PDB file of N, CA and C in Angstrom:
ATOM      1  N   UNK A   1      24.218  16.656  -9.979  1.00  0.00           N
ATOM      2  CA  UNK A   1      25.582  16.656  -9.682  1.00  0.00           C
ATOM      3  C   UNK A   1      26.065  15.264  -9.369  1.00  0.00           C
ATOM      4  N   UNK A   2      27.321  14.888  -9.897  1.00  0.00           N
ATOM      5  CA  UNK A   2      27.717  13.602  -9.648  1.00  0.00           C
ATOM      6  C   UNK A   2      28.009  13.151  -8.256  1.00  0.00           C
ATOM      7  N   UNK A   3      28.570  14.050  -7.448  1.00  0.00           N
ATOM      8  CA  UNK A   3      28.842  13.755  -6.073  1.00  0.00           C
ATOM      9  C   UNK A   3      28.612  14.974  -5.251  1.00  0.00           C
ATOM     10  N   UNK A   4      28.700  14.733  -3.942  1.00  0.00           N
ATOM     11  CA  UNK A   4      28.430  15.864  -2.964  1.00  0.00           C
ATOM     12  C   UNK A   4      29.603  16.630  -2.694  1.00  0.00           C
ATOM     13  N   UNK A   5      30.834  16.259  -3.108  1.00  0.00           N
ATOM     14  CA  UNK A   5      32.048  16.915  -2.857  1.00  0.00           C
ATOM     15  C   UNK A   5      32.357  17.901  -4.003  1.00  0.00           C
ATOM     16  N   UNK A   6      32.625  19.163  -3.691  1.00  0.00           N
ATOM     17  CA  UNK A   6      32.979  20.063  -4.742  1.00  0.00           C
ATOM     18  C   UNK A   6      34.429  19.703  -5.319  1.00  0.00           C
ATOM     19  N   UNK A   7      34.644  20.038  -6.546  1.00  0.00           N
ATOM     20  CA  UNK A   7      35.966  19.819  -7.127  1.00  0.00           C
ATOM     21  C   UNK A   7      36.793  21.032  -7.014  1.00  0.00           C
ATOM     22  N   UNK A   8      36.188  22.129  -6.669  1.00  0.00           N
ATOM     23  CA  UNK A   8      36.850  23.357  -6.392  1.00  0.00           C
ATOM     24  C   UNK A   8      36.004  24.210  -5.429  1.00  0.00           C
ATOM     25  N   UNK A   9      36.704  24.974  -4.588  1.00  0.00           N
ATOM     26  CA  UNK A   9      35.963  25.806  -3.669  1.00  0.00           C
ATOM     27  C   UNK A   9      36.795  27.089  -3.509  1.00  0.00           C
ATOM     28  N   UNK A  10      36.152  28.235  -3.314  1.00  0.00           N
ATOM     29  CA  UNK A  10      36.793  29.527  -3.139  1.00  0.00           C
ATOM     30  C   UNK A  10      35.805  30.422  -2.451  1.00  0.00           C
ATOM     31  N   UNK A  11      36.231  31.656  -2.161  1.00  0.00           N
ATOM     32  CA  UNK A  11      35.383  32.655  -1.612  1.00  0.00           C
ATOM     33  C   UNK A  11      35.488  33.876  -2.412  1.00  0.00           C
ATOM     34  N   UNK A  12      34.310  34.642  -2.389  1.00  0.00           N
ATOM     35  CA  UNK A  12      34.292  35.935  -3.177  1.00  0.00           C
ATOM     36  C   UNK A  12      33.846  37.009  -2.174  1.00  0.00           C
ATOM     37  N   UNK A  13      34.607  38.137  -2.205  1.00  0.00           N
ATOM     38  CA  UNK A  13      34.236  39.249  -1.260  1.00  0.00           C
ATOM     39  C   UNK A  13      33.304  40.138  -1.951  1.00  0.00           C
ATOM     40  N   UNK A  14      32.140  40.399  -1.423  1.00  0.00           N
ATOM     41  CA  UNK A  14      31.114  41.303  -1.916  1.00  0.00           C
ATOM     42  C   UNK A  14      30.694  42.230  -0.738  1.00  0.00           C
ATOM     43  N   UNK A  15      30.906  43.511  -0.940  1.00  0.00           N
ATOM     44  CA  UNK A  15      30.503  44.482   0.076  1.00  0.00           C
ATOM     45  C   UNK A  15      31.032  44.196   1.465  1.00  0.00           C
ATOM     46  N   UNK A  16      32.262  43.745   1.596  1.00  0.00           N
ATOM     47  CA  UNK A  16      32.823  43.479   2.898  1.00  0.00           C
ATOM     48  C   UNK A  16      32.503  42.161   3.499  1.00  0.00           C
ATOM     49  N   UNK A  17      31.736  41.312   2.826  1.00  0.00           N
ATOM     50  CA  UNK A  17      31.512  39.947   3.277  1.00  0.00           C
ATOM     51  C   UNK A  17      32.008  38.911   2.331  1.00  0.00           C
ATOM     52  N   UNK A  18      32.347  37.728   2.830  1.00  0.00           N
ATOM     53  CA  UNK A  18      32.921  36.706   1.970  1.00  0.00           C
ATOM     54  C   UNK A  18      31.910  35.581   1.836  1.00  0.00           C
ATOM     55  N   UNK A  19      31.643  35.185   0.586  1.00  0.00           N
ATOM     56  CA  UNK A  19      30.612  34.161   0.216  1.00  0.00           C
ATOM     57  C   UNK A  19      31.410  33.008  -0.419  1.00  0.00           C
ATOM     58  N   UNK A  20      31.056  31.771   0.062  1.00  0.00           N
ATOM     59  CA  UNK A  20      31.648  30.555  -0.441  1.00  0.00           C
ATOM     60  C   UNK A  20      31.097  30.160  -1.771  1.00  0.00           C
ATOM     61  N   UNK A  21      32.034  29.746  -2.672  1.00  0.00           N
ATOM     62  CA  UNK A  21      31.639  29.250  -4.024  1.00  0.00           C
ATOM     63  C   UNK A  21      32.182  27.815  -4.081  1.00  0.00           C
ATOM     64  N   UNK A  22      31.300  26.886  -4.384  1.00  0.00           N
ATOM     65  CA  UNK A  22      31.650  25.458  -4.600  1.00  0.00           C
ATOM     66  C   UNK A  22      31.394  25.082  -6.027  1.00  0.00           C
ATOM     67  N   UNK A  23      32.306  24.397  -6.706  1.00  0.00           N
ATOM     68  CA  UNK A  23      32.101  24.001  -8.097  1.00  0.00           C
ATOM     69  C   UNK A  23      32.039  22.507  -8.132  1.00  0.00           C
ATOM     70  N   UNK A  24      31.072  21.982  -8.837  1.00  0.00           N
ATOM     71  CA  UNK A  24      30.768  20.529  -9.023  1.00  0.00           C
ATOM     72  C   UNK A  24      30.861  20.221 -10.494  1.00  0.00           C
ATOM     73  N   UNK A  25      31.096  18.911 -10.825  1.00  0.00           N
ATOM     74  CA  UNK A  25      30.988  18.456 -12.259  1.00  0.00           C
ATOM     75  C   UNK A  25      29.757  17.558 -12.386  1.00  0.00           C
ATOM     76  N   UNK A  26      29.304  17.474 -13.634  1.00  0.00           N
ATOM     77  CA  UNK A  26      28.145  16.672 -13.907  1.00  0.00           C
ATOM     78  C   UNK A  26      28.533  15.502 -14.819  1.00  0.00           C
ATOM     79  N   UNK A  27      27.700  14.515 -14.890  1.00  0.00           N
ATOM     80  CA  UNK A  27      27.959  13.338 -15.735  1.00  0.00           C
ATOM     81  C   UNK A  27      28.037  13.760 -17.217  1.00  0.00           C
ATOM     82  N   UNK A  28      27.339  14.884 -17.525  1.00  0.00           N
ATOM     83  CA  UNK A  28      27.320  15.376 -18.915  1.00  0.00           C
ATOM     84  C   UNK A  28      28.601  16.169 -19.310  1.00  0.00           C
ATOM     85  N   UNK A  29      29.432  16.338 -18.368  1.00  0.00           N
ATOM     86  CA  UNK A  29      30.727  17.024 -18.656  1.00  0.00           C
ATOM     87  C   UNK A  29      30.697  18.542 -18.449  1.00  0.00           C
ATOM     88  N   UNK A  30      29.599  19.031 -17.854  1.00  0.00           N
ATOM     89  CA  UNK A  30      29.519  20.473 -17.558  1.00  0.00           C
ATOM     90  C   UNK A  30      29.878  20.722 -16.138  1.00  0.00           C
ATOM     91  N   UNK A  31      29.982  21.990 -15.743  1.00  0.00           N
ATOM     92  CA  UNK A  31      30.300  22.288 -14.395  1.00  0.00           C
ATOM     93  C   UNK A  31      29.278  23.289 -13.793  1.00  0.00           C
ATOM     94  N   UNK A  32      29.177  23.296 -12.480  1.00  0.00           N
ATOM     95  CA  UNK A  32      28.175  24.173 -11.822  1.00  0.00           C
ATOM     96  C   UNK A  32      28.842  24.810 -10.652  1.00  0.00           C
ATOM     97  N   UNK A  33      28.718  26.119 -10.501  1.00  0.00           N
ATOM     98  CA  UNK A  33      29.178  26.877  -9.355  1.00  0.00           C
ATOM     99  C   UNK A  33      28.004  27.150  -8.475  1.00  0.00           C
ATOM    100  N   UNK A  34      28.143  27.024  -7.189  1.00  0.00           N
ATOM    101  CA  UNK A  34      26.991  27.084  -6.259  1.00  0.00           C
ATOM    102  C   UNK A  34      27.372  27.929  -5.033  1.00  0.00           C
ATOM    103  N   UNK A  35      26.489  28.857  -4.668  1.00  0.00           N
ATOM    104  CA  UNK A  35      26.623  29.626  -3.398  1.00  0.00           C
ATOM    105  C   UNK A  35      25.270  29.621  -2.730  1.00  0.00           C
ATOM    106  N   UNK A  36      25.291  29.276  -1.416  1.00  0.00           N
ATOM    107  CA  UNK A  36      24.109  29.280  -0.589  1.00  0.00           C
ATOM    108  C   UNK A  36      24.086  30.650   0.108  1.00  0.00           C
ATOM    109  N   UNK A  37      23.030  31.401  -0.173  1.00  0.00           N
ATOM    110  CA  UNK A  37      22.846  32.726   0.474  1.00  0.00           C
ATOM    111  C   UNK A  37      21.976  32.585   1.699  1.00  0.00           C
ATOM    112  N   UNK A  38      21.123  31.605   1.795  1.00  0.00           N
ATOM    113  CA  UNK A  38      20.262  31.380   2.874  1.00  0.00           C
ATOM    114  C   UNK A  38      19.688  29.991   2.782  1.00  0.00           C
ATOM    115  N   UNK A  39      18.819  29.683   3.770  1.00  0.00           N
ATOM    116  CA  UNK A  39      18.274  28.300   3.768  1.00  0.00           C
ATOM    117  C   UNK A  39      17.582  27.859   2.490  1.00  0.00           C
ATOM    118  N   UNK A  40      16.817  28.708   1.898  1.00  0.00           N
ATOM    119  CA  UNK A  40      16.153  28.395   0.713  1.00  0.00           C
ATOM    120  C   UNK A  40      16.522  29.284  -0.440  1.00  0.00           C
ATOM    121  N   UNK A  41      17.768  29.766  -0.426  1.00  0.00           N
ATOM    122  CA  UNK A  41      18.242  30.740  -1.411  1.00  0.00           C
ATOM    123  C   UNK A  41      19.599  30.348  -1.942  1.00  0.00           C
ATOM    124  N   UNK A  42      19.701  29.737  -3.128  1.00  0.00           N
ATOM    125  CA  UNK A  42      20.876  29.206  -3.738  1.00  0.00           C
ATOM    126  C   UNK A  42      21.083  29.774  -5.092  1.00  0.00           C
ATOM    127  N   UNK A  43      22.339  30.254  -5.342  1.00  0.00           N
ATOM    128  CA  UNK A  43      22.706  30.766  -6.669  1.00  0.00           C
ATOM    129  C   UNK A  43      23.504  29.687  -7.364  1.00  0.00           C
ATOM    130  N   UNK A  44      23.107  29.325  -8.552  1.00  0.00           N
ATOM    131  CA  UNK A  44      23.800  28.242  -9.341  1.00  0.00           C
ATOM    132  C   UNK A  44      24.150  28.782 -10.773  1.00  0.00           C
ATOM    133  N   UNK A  45      25.383  28.669 -11.173  1.00  0.00           N
ATOM    134  CA  UNK A  45      25.829  29.136 -12.507  1.00  0.00           C
ATOM    135  C   UNK A  45      26.513  27.950 -13.155  1.00  0.00           C
ATOM    136  N   UNK A  46      26.212  27.694 -14.439  1.00  0.00           N
ATOM    137  CA  UNK A  46      26.826  26.603 -15.117  1.00  0.00           C
ATOM    138  C   UNK A  46      27.917  27.095 -16.105  1.00  0.00           C
ATOM    139  N   UNK A  47      28.804  26.216 -16.520  1.00  0.00           N
ATOM    140  CA  UNK A  47      29.835  26.588 -17.443  1.00  0.00           C
ATOM    141  C   UNK A  47      30.439  25.375 -18.132  1.00  0.00           C
ATOM    142  N   UNK A  48      31.244  25.543 -19.102  1.00  0.00           N
ATOM    143  CA  UNK A  48      31.860  24.434 -19.908  1.00  0.00           C
ATOM    144  C   UNK A  48      33.168  23.990 -19.268  1.00  0.00           C
ATOM    145  N   UNK A  49      33.683  24.734 -18.354  1.00  0.00           N
ATOM    146  CA  UNK A  49      34.889  24.377 -17.611  1.00  0.00           C
ATOM    147  C   UNK A  49      34.792  24.924 -16.163  1.00  0.00           C
ATOM    148  N   UNK A  50      35.715  24.485 -15.334  1.00  0.00           N
ATOM    149  CA  UNK A  50      35.769  25.045 -13.995  1.00  0.00           C
ATOM    150  C   UNK A  50      35.974  26.577 -14.085  1.00  0.00           C
ATOM    151  N   UNK A  51      36.930  26.949 -14.864  1.00  0.00           N
ATOM    152  CA  UNK A  51      37.221  28.389 -14.963  1.00  0.00           C
ATOM    153  C   UNK A  51      36.020  29.205 -15.493  1.00  0.00           C
ATOM    154  N   UNK A  52      35.322  28.610 -16.447  1.00  0.00           N
ATOM    155  CA  UNK A  52      34.200  29.279 -17.122  1.00  0.00           C
ATOM    156  C   UNK A  52      33.075  29.465 -16.007  1.00  0.00           C
ATOM    157  N   UNK A  53      32.712  28.308 -15.330  1.00  0.00           N
ATOM    158  CA  UNK A  53      31.715  28.425 -14.287  1.00  0.00           C
ATOM    159  C   UNK A  53      32.050  29.413 -13.196  1.00  0.00           C
ATOM    160  N   UNK A  54      33.283  29.375 -12.720  1.00  0.00           N
ATOM    161  CA  UNK A  54      33.734  30.270 -11.680  1.00  0.00           C
ATOM    162  C   UNK A  54      33.706  31.752 -12.124  1.00  0.00           C
ATOM    163  N   UNK A  55      34.152  32.043 -13.345  1.00  0.00           N
ATOM    164  CA  UNK A  55      34.115  33.416 -13.829  1.00  0.00           C
ATOM    165  C   UNK A  55      32.709  33.899 -13.955  1.00  0.00           C
ATOM    166  N   UNK A  56      31.793  33.155 -14.506  1.00  0.00           N
ATOM    167  CA  UNK A  56      30.423  33.556 -14.602  1.00  0.00           C
ATOM    168  C   UNK A  56      29.795  33.812 -13.230  1.00  0.00           C
ATOM    169  N   UNK A  57      30.097  32.892 -12.306  1.00  0.00           N
ATOM    170  CA  UNK A  57      29.542  33.022 -10.979  1.00  0.00           C
ATOM    171  C   UNK A  57      30.117  34.257 -10.261  1.00  0.00           C
ATOM    172  N   UNK A  58      31.370  34.494 -10.401  1.00  0.00           N
ATOM    173  CA  UNK A  58      31.936  35.725  -9.756  1.00  0.00           C
ATOM    174  C   UNK A  58      31.388  36.985 -10.337  1.00  0.00           C
ATOM    175  N   UNK A  59      30.985  36.974 -11.580  1.00  0.00           N
ATOM    176  CA  UNK A  59      30.376  38.164 -12.232  1.00  0.00           C
ATOM    177  C   UNK A  59      28.943  38.366 -11.807  1.00  0.00           C
ATOM    178  N   UNK A  60      28.158  37.197 -11.612  1.00  0.00           N
ATOM    179  CA  UNK A  60      26.736  37.306 -11.306  1.00  0.00           C
ATOM    180  C   UNK A  60      26.450  37.417  -9.842  1.00  0.00           C
ATOM    181  N   UNK A  61      27.263  36.824  -8.969  1.00  0.00           N
ATOM    182  CA  UNK A  61      27.016  36.783  -7.542  1.00  0.00           C
ATOM    183  C   UNK A  61      26.813  38.179  -6.951  1.00  0.00           C
ATOM    184  N   UNK A  62      27.622  39.173  -7.215  1.00  0.00           N
ATOM    185  CA  UNK A  62      27.355  40.551  -6.713  1.00  0.00           C
ATOM    186  C   UNK A  62      26.000  41.093  -7.089  1.00  0.00           C
ATOM    187  N   UNK A  63      25.635  40.826  -8.332  1.00  0.00           N
ATOM    188  CA  UNK A  63      24.355  41.321  -8.843  1.00  0.00           C
ATOM    189  C   UNK A  63      23.159  40.624  -8.063  1.00  0.00           C
ATOM    190  N   UNK A  64      23.299  39.277  -7.898  1.00  0.00           N
ATOM    191  CA  UNK A  64      22.328  38.521  -7.192  1.00  0.00           C
ATOM    192  C   UNK A  64      22.147  39.069  -5.742  1.00  0.00           C
ATOM    193  N   UNK A  65      23.283  39.264  -5.054  1.00  0.00           N
ATOM    194  CA  UNK A  65      23.239  39.703  -3.727  1.00  0.00           C
ATOM    195  C   UNK A  65      22.628  41.127  -3.600  1.00  0.00           C
ATOM    196  N   UNK A  66      23.071  42.066  -4.562  1.00  0.00           N
ATOM    197  CA  UNK A  66      22.508  43.368  -4.570  1.00  0.00           C
ATOM    198  C   UNK A  66      21.014  43.390  -4.812  1.00  0.00           C
ATOM    199  N   UNK A  67      20.583  42.595  -5.708  1.00  0.00           N
ATOM    200  CA  UNK A  67      19.113  42.476  -6.014  1.00  0.00           C
ATOM    201  C   UNK A  67      18.338  42.020  -4.782  1.00  0.00           C
ATOM    202  N   UNK A  68      18.845  41.005  -4.162  1.00  0.00           N
ATOM    203  CA  UNK A  68      18.136  40.531  -2.914  1.00  0.00           C
ATOM    204  C   UNK A  68      18.174  41.593  -1.851  1.00  0.00           C
ATOM    205  N   UNK A  69      19.282  42.286  -1.634  1.00  0.00           N
ATOM    206  CA  UNK A  69      19.378  43.353  -0.645  1.00  0.00           C
ATOM    207  C   UNK A  69      18.283  44.453  -0.965  1.00  0.00           C
ATOM    208  N   UNK A  70      18.188  44.841  -2.178  1.00  0.00           N
ATOM    209  CA  UNK A  70      17.148  45.826  -2.514  1.00  0.00           C
ATOM    210  C   UNK A  70      15.759  45.341  -2.303  1.00  0.00           C
ATOM    211  N   UNK A  71      15.507  44.113  -2.617  1.00  0.00           N
ATOM    212  CA  UNK A  71      14.144  43.613  -2.451  1.00  0.00           C
ATOM    213  C   UNK A  71      13.833  43.457  -0.960  1.00  0.00           C
ATOM    214  N   UNK A  72      14.748  42.955  -0.151  1.00  0.00           N
ATOM    215  CA  UNK A  72      14.496  42.795   1.251  1.00  0.00           C
ATOM    216  C   UNK A  72      14.361  44.215   1.921  1.00  0.00           C
ATOM    217  N   UNK A  73      15.101  45.112   1.497  1.00  0.00           N
ATOM    218  CA  UNK A  73      14.960  46.461   2.015  1.00  0.00           C
ATOM    219  C   UNK A  73      13.651  47.087   1.641  1.00  0.00           C
ATOM    220  N   UNK A  74      13.225  46.883   0.442  1.00  0.00           N
ATOM    221  CA  UNK A  74      11.865  47.399  -0.013  1.00  0.00           C
ATOM    222  C   UNK A  74      10.706  46.769   0.773  1.00  0.00           C
ATOM    223  N   UNK A  75      10.913  45.492   1.055  1.00  0.00           N
ATOM    224  CA  UNK A  75       9.834  44.757   1.803  1.00  0.00           C
ATOM    225  C   UNK A  75       9.960  44.938   3.316  1.00  0.00           C
ATOM    226  N   UNK A  76      11.053  45.543   3.782  1.00  0.00           N
ATOM    227  CA  UNK A  76      11.199  45.763   5.188  1.00  0.00           C
ATOM    228  C   UNK A  76      11.602  44.519   5.943  1.00  0.00           C
ATOM    229  N   UNK A  77      12.108  43.512   5.173  1.00  0.00           N
ATOM    230  CA  UNK A  77      12.458  42.274   5.821  1.00  0.00           C
ATOM    231  C   UNK A  77      13.922  42.277   6.214  1.00  0.00           C
ATOM    232  N   UNK A  78      14.242  41.525   7.278  1.00  0.00           N
ATOM    233  CA  UNK A  78      15.612  41.501   7.770  1.00  0.00           C
ATOM    234  C   UNK A  78      16.510  40.755   6.744  1.00  0.00           C
ATOM    235  N   UNK A  79      17.738  41.200   6.663  1.00  0.00           N
ATOM    236  CA  UNK A  79      18.745  40.567   5.794  1.00  0.00           C
ATOM    237  C   UNK A  79      19.249  39.264   6.423  1.00  0.00           C
ATOM    238  N   UNK A  80      19.210  38.123   5.601  1.00  0.00           N
ATOM    239  CA  UNK A  80      19.553  36.843   6.152  1.00  0.00           C
ATOM    240  C   UNK A  80      20.584  36.108   5.243  1.00  0.00           C
ATOM    241  N   UNK A  81      21.639  36.708   4.844  1.00  0.00           N
ATOM    242  CA  UNK A  81      22.613  36.093   3.961  1.00  0.00           C
ATOM    243  C   UNK A  81      23.623  35.318   4.840  1.00  0.00           C
ATOM    244  N   UNK A  82      24.308  34.323   4.242  1.00  0.00           N
ATOM    245  CA  UNK A  82      25.290  33.595   4.875  1.00  0.00           C
ATOM    246  C   UNK A  82      26.697  34.078   4.573  1.00  0.00           C
ATOM    247  N   UNK A  83      26.862  35.287   4.341  1.00  0.00           N
ATOM    248  CA  UNK A  83      28.257  35.784   4.119  1.00  0.00           C
ATOM    249  C   UNK A  83      29.006  35.863   5.416  1.00  0.00           C
ATOM    250  N   UNK A  84      30.303  35.742   5.277  1.00  0.00           N
ATOM    251  CA  UNK A  84      31.195  35.746   6.479  1.00  0.00           C
ATOM    252  C   UNK A  84      31.905  37.147   6.480  1.00  0.00           C
ATOM    253  N   UNK A  85      31.910  37.784   7.577  1.00  0.00           N
ATOM    254  CA  UNK A  85      32.621  39.056   7.699  1.00  0.00           C
ATOM    255  C   UNK A  85      34.044  38.709   8.110  1.00  0.00           C
ATOM    256  N   UNK A  86      34.981  39.515   7.673  1.00  0.00           N
ATOM    257  CA  UNK A  86      36.399  39.298   8.031  1.00  0.00           C
ATOM    258  C   UNK A  86      36.662  39.534   9.516  1.00  0.00           C
TER     259      UNK A  86
END
């Protein structure tokens, strides 16, 4: 990523929690959407434009969160996401 500041940021509501999405640009002209779910758990989606990266990320983030919830539940581990409740 070219810099540490996102060029766009928003939130997505998933199952009653809000998750931050930050979009960055690269020197190669592509864009990356990023959401931190936990200390060592980051979801990154790339795209050809800000809108493309955001749309892909908004579609994939609920799946990623659901998959992690199922895995943690199966393992009996506590849920540790960084979602914000309203």
